[in-house]
Amino acid sequence: MSNSNIIEQKKQVVQEIADKFRDSQSTLLVDYRGLDVAEVTELRKQLREANVDFKVYKNSMARRAADAVELSELNDTFVGPTAIAFSNDDVVAPAKILNNFAKEHEALEIKGGVIEGEIASIEQIQELAELPNYDGMVSMLLSVLQAPVRNFAYAAKAIADQREEQGA
């Protein structure tokens, strides 16, 4: 294989990573050193079920991709074994899964990330992990919207009951 082929392949990988950075709602970087094969397999399974792409890239290529999408502040985190979780659909899912997994497995360390195009601190990622998922937020919204109607119904029933008692 010639050098130009290898360079071309590397450019394609850098472009793939850059595209994933651009397209994802949230991207988290983790150090997975110390996890055994079974634990990594379980983590990958949980992330896959949430439609999160979880890959390990060479740090040098990830740095080039971060530079290409103007996220060079991330370059300090590309040291040692780094896996990247990309989520195009759900901003909360990767943070929630990785944060919960890190609580159970001390070997997993969240190193940093990008939330909707902005560099996020570890504290912001942990706050995001504490938020309810989409379904939970929808259910909270519906209960807030139903409250005035429910209160009106209770008040109307109380007035009707009171009038009924007065009429009897």
Protein backbone atom coordinates (compact mmCIF):
# COMPACT_ATOMS: atom_id res chain seq x y z
CA MET A 1 0.00 0.00 0.00
CA SER A 2 1.46 3.34 -0.97
CA ASN A 3 1.91 6.31 1.31
CA SER A 4 -0.61 8.37 -0.64
CA ASN A 5 -3.29 5.71 -0.02
CA ILE A 6 -2.58 5.74 3.71
CA ILE A 7 -2.68 9.54 3.82
CA GLU A 8 -5.97 9.52 1.89
CA GLN A 9 -7.48 7.00 4.33
CA LYS A 10 -6.40 9.15 7.27
CA LYS A 11 -7.93 12.24 5.66
CA GLN A 12 -11.20 10.33 5.24
CA VAL A 13 -11.20 9.31 8.92
CA VAL A 14 -10.52 12.92 9.99
CA GLN A 15 -13.38 14.07 7.73
CA GLU A 16 -15.68 11.39 9.22
CA ILE A 17 -14.90 12.56 12.77
CA ALA A 18 -15.35 16.23 11.79
CA ASP A 19 -18.74 15.44 10.20
CA LYS A 20 -19.81 13.60 13.36
CA PHE A 21 -18.76 16.57 15.51
CA ARG A 22 -20.80 18.86 13.23
CA ASP A 23 -23.91 16.65 13.02
CA SER A 24 -24.22 15.53 16.63
CA GLN A 25 -26.40 17.19 19.26
CA SER A 26 -23.98 16.08 21.94
CA THR A 27 -20.51 14.56 21.87
CA LEU A 28 -18.82 13.20 24.98
CA LEU A 29 -15.21 12.13 25.42
CA VAL A 30 -14.41 9.42 27.94
CA ASP A 31 -11.36 7.60 29.25
CA TYR A 32 -12.26 3.92 29.38
CA ARG A 33 -8.90 2.68 30.73
CA GLY A 34 -9.48 0.00 33.35
CA LEU A 35 -12.80 -1.29 32.03
CA ASP A 36 -12.73 -4.97 31.13
CA VAL A 37 -14.14 -6.37 27.89
CA ALA A 38 -17.50 -7.29 29.47
CA GLU A 39 -17.93 -3.76 30.90
CA VAL A 40 -17.06 -2.08 27.59
CA THR A 41 -19.48 -4.43 25.81
CA GLU A 42 -22.25 -3.53 28.28
CA LEU A 43 -21.53 0.20 27.85
CA ARG A 44 -21.58 -0.11 24.05
CA LYS A 45 -24.90 -2.01 24.27
CA GLN A 46 -26.52 0.70 26.42
CA LEU A 47 -25.28 3.44 24.09
CA ARG A 48 -26.36 1.55 20.96
CA GLU A 49 -29.88 1.10 22.39
CA ALA A 50 -30.04 4.90 22.82
CA ASN A 51 -28.85 5.38 19.22
CA VAL A 52 -25.48 6.78 20.33
CA ASP A 53 -22.41 6.13 18.16
CA PHE A 54 -19.45 5.14 20.39
CA LYS A 55 -16.01 4.85 18.79
CA VAL A 56 -12.33 4.99 19.54
CA TYR A 57 -10.20 7.04 17.15
CA LYS A 58 -6.52 7.88 17.15
CA ASN A 59 -6.03 11.03 19.23
CA SER A 60 -4.03 12.74 16.47
CA MET A 61 -6.92 12.30 14.02
CA ALA A 62 -9.50 13.42 16.57
CA ARG A 63 -7.42 16.55 17.26
CA ARG A 64 -7.28 17.37 13.54
CA ALA A 65 -11.05 16.89 13.26
CA ALA A 66 -11.66 19.10 16.32
CA ASP A 67 -9.48 21.80 14.74
CA ALA A 68 -11.41 21.50 11.48
CA VAL A 69 -14.72 22.22 13.23
CA GLU A 70 -13.25 24.94 15.46
CA LEU A 71 -13.33 22.88 18.65
CA SER A 72 -9.59 22.98 19.29
CA GLU A 73 -10.27 23.60 23.02
CA LEU A 74 -10.96 19.84 23.14
CA ASN A 75 -7.40 18.97 22.08
CA ASP A 76 -6.19 18.77 25.69
CA THR A 77 -8.66 15.93 26.33
CA PHE A 78 -7.29 13.79 23.50
CA VAL A 79 -4.61 12.23 25.70
CA GLY A 80 -4.50 8.55 26.55
CA PRO A 81 -7.24 6.12 25.57
CA THR A 82 -10.20 8.25 24.50
CA ALA A 83 -13.54 7.03 23.23
CA ILE A 84 -16.06 9.42 21.70
CA ALA A 85 -19.85 9.12 22.03
CA PHE A 86 -21.81 10.97 19.32
CA SER A 87 -25.57 11.48 19.56
CA ASN A 88 -27.47 13.03 16.68
CA ASP A 89 -30.95 12.67 18.19
CA ASP A 90 -30.89 13.06 21.95
CA VAL A 91 -28.78 15.62 23.81
CA VAL A 92 -29.37 14.02 27.22
CA ALA A 93 -28.99 10.27 26.48
CA PRO A 94 -25.19 9.98 26.20
CA ALA A 95 -24.61 12.16 29.27
CA LYS A 96 -27.13 10.15 31.29
CA ILE A 97 -25.80 6.73 30.20
CA LEU A 98 -22.11 7.62 30.61
CA ASN A 99 -22.65 9.41 33.94
CA ASN A 100 -24.63 6.49 35.39
CA PHE A 101 -22.07 4.00 34.07
CA ALA A 102 -19.23 6.05 35.59
CA LYS A 103 -21.00 5.95 38.98
CA GLU A 104 -21.06 2.14 38.84
CA HIS A 105 -17.60 1.73 37.27
CA GLU A 106 -14.96 4.07 38.66
CA ALA A 107 -12.63 3.22 35.77
CA LEU A 108 -14.80 5.19 33.32
CA GLU A 109 -14.02 8.91 33.38
CA ILE A 110 -15.87 11.59 31.46
CA LYS A 111 -13.18 13.94 30.10
CA GLY A 112 -15.26 16.58 28.37
CA GLY A 113 -17.64 17.15 25.54
CA VAL A 114 -19.60 19.33 23.17
CA ILE A 115 -23.29 20.11 23.68
CA GLU A 116 -25.08 21.61 20.67
CA GLY A 117 -21.82 22.96 19.22
CA GLU A 118 -20.50 24.48 22.46
CA ILE A 119 -17.67 23.08 24.59
CA ALA A 120 -19.18 21.75 27.83
CA SER A 121 -17.51 21.44 31.21
CA ILE A 122 -17.71 18.20 33.17
CA GLU A 123 -20.09 19.97 35.59
CA GLN A 124 -22.42 20.94 32.70
CA ILE A 125 -22.35 17.36 31.43
CA GLN A 126 -23.27 16.07 34.89
CA GLU A 127 -26.11 18.60 35.17
CA LEU A 128 -27.35 17.46 31.78
CA ALA A 129 -27.21 13.84 32.96
CA GLU A 130 -29.55 14.69 35.84
CA LEU A 131 -32.23 16.04 33.51
CA PRO A 132 -35.13 13.74 32.65
CA ASN A 133 -35.12 12.27 29.15
CA TYR A 134 -37.45 13.46 26.38
CA ASP A 135 -40.39 11.31 27.50
CA GLY A 136 -39.97 12.51 31.08
CA MET A 137 -39.94 16.14 29.96
CA VAL A 138 -43.06 15.65 27.83
CA SER A 139 -44.88 14.05 30.76
CA MET A 140 -43.84 16.95 33.04
CA LEU A 141 -45.06 19.46 30.45
CA LEU A 142 -48.40 17.66 30.07
CA SER A 143 -48.96 17.59 33.83
CA VAL A 144 -48.22 21.35 33.99
CA LEU A 145 -50.66 21.98 31.14
CA GLN A 146 -53.36 19.80 32.74
CA ALA A 147 -53.12 21.44 36.18
CA PRO A 148 -55.28 24.55 35.44
CA VAL A 149 -57.98 22.41 33.79
CA ARG A 150 -57.90 19.94 36.69
CA ASN A 151 -58.13 22.78 39.25
CA PHE A 152 -61.05 24.34 37.35
CA ALA A 153 -62.85 20.99 37.32
CA TYR A 154 -62.35 20.61 41.10
CA ALA A 155 -63.64 24.14 41.69
CA ALA A 156 -66.68 23.60 39.46
CA LYS A 157 -67.48 20.33 41.24
CA ALA A 158 -67.10 22.01 44.66
CA ILE A 159 -69.50 24.79 43.63
CA ALA A 160 -71.98 22.23 42.26
CA ASP A 161 -71.76 20.19 45.48
CA GLN A 162 -72.23 23.33 47.58
CA ARG A 163 -75.30 24.41 45.58
CA GLU A 164 -76.69 20.89 45.84
CA GLU A 165 -76.31 20.99 49.63
CA GLN A 166 -77.97 24.45 49.81
CA GLY A 167 -80.85 23.27 47.64
CA ALA A 168 -81.50 20.18 49.78
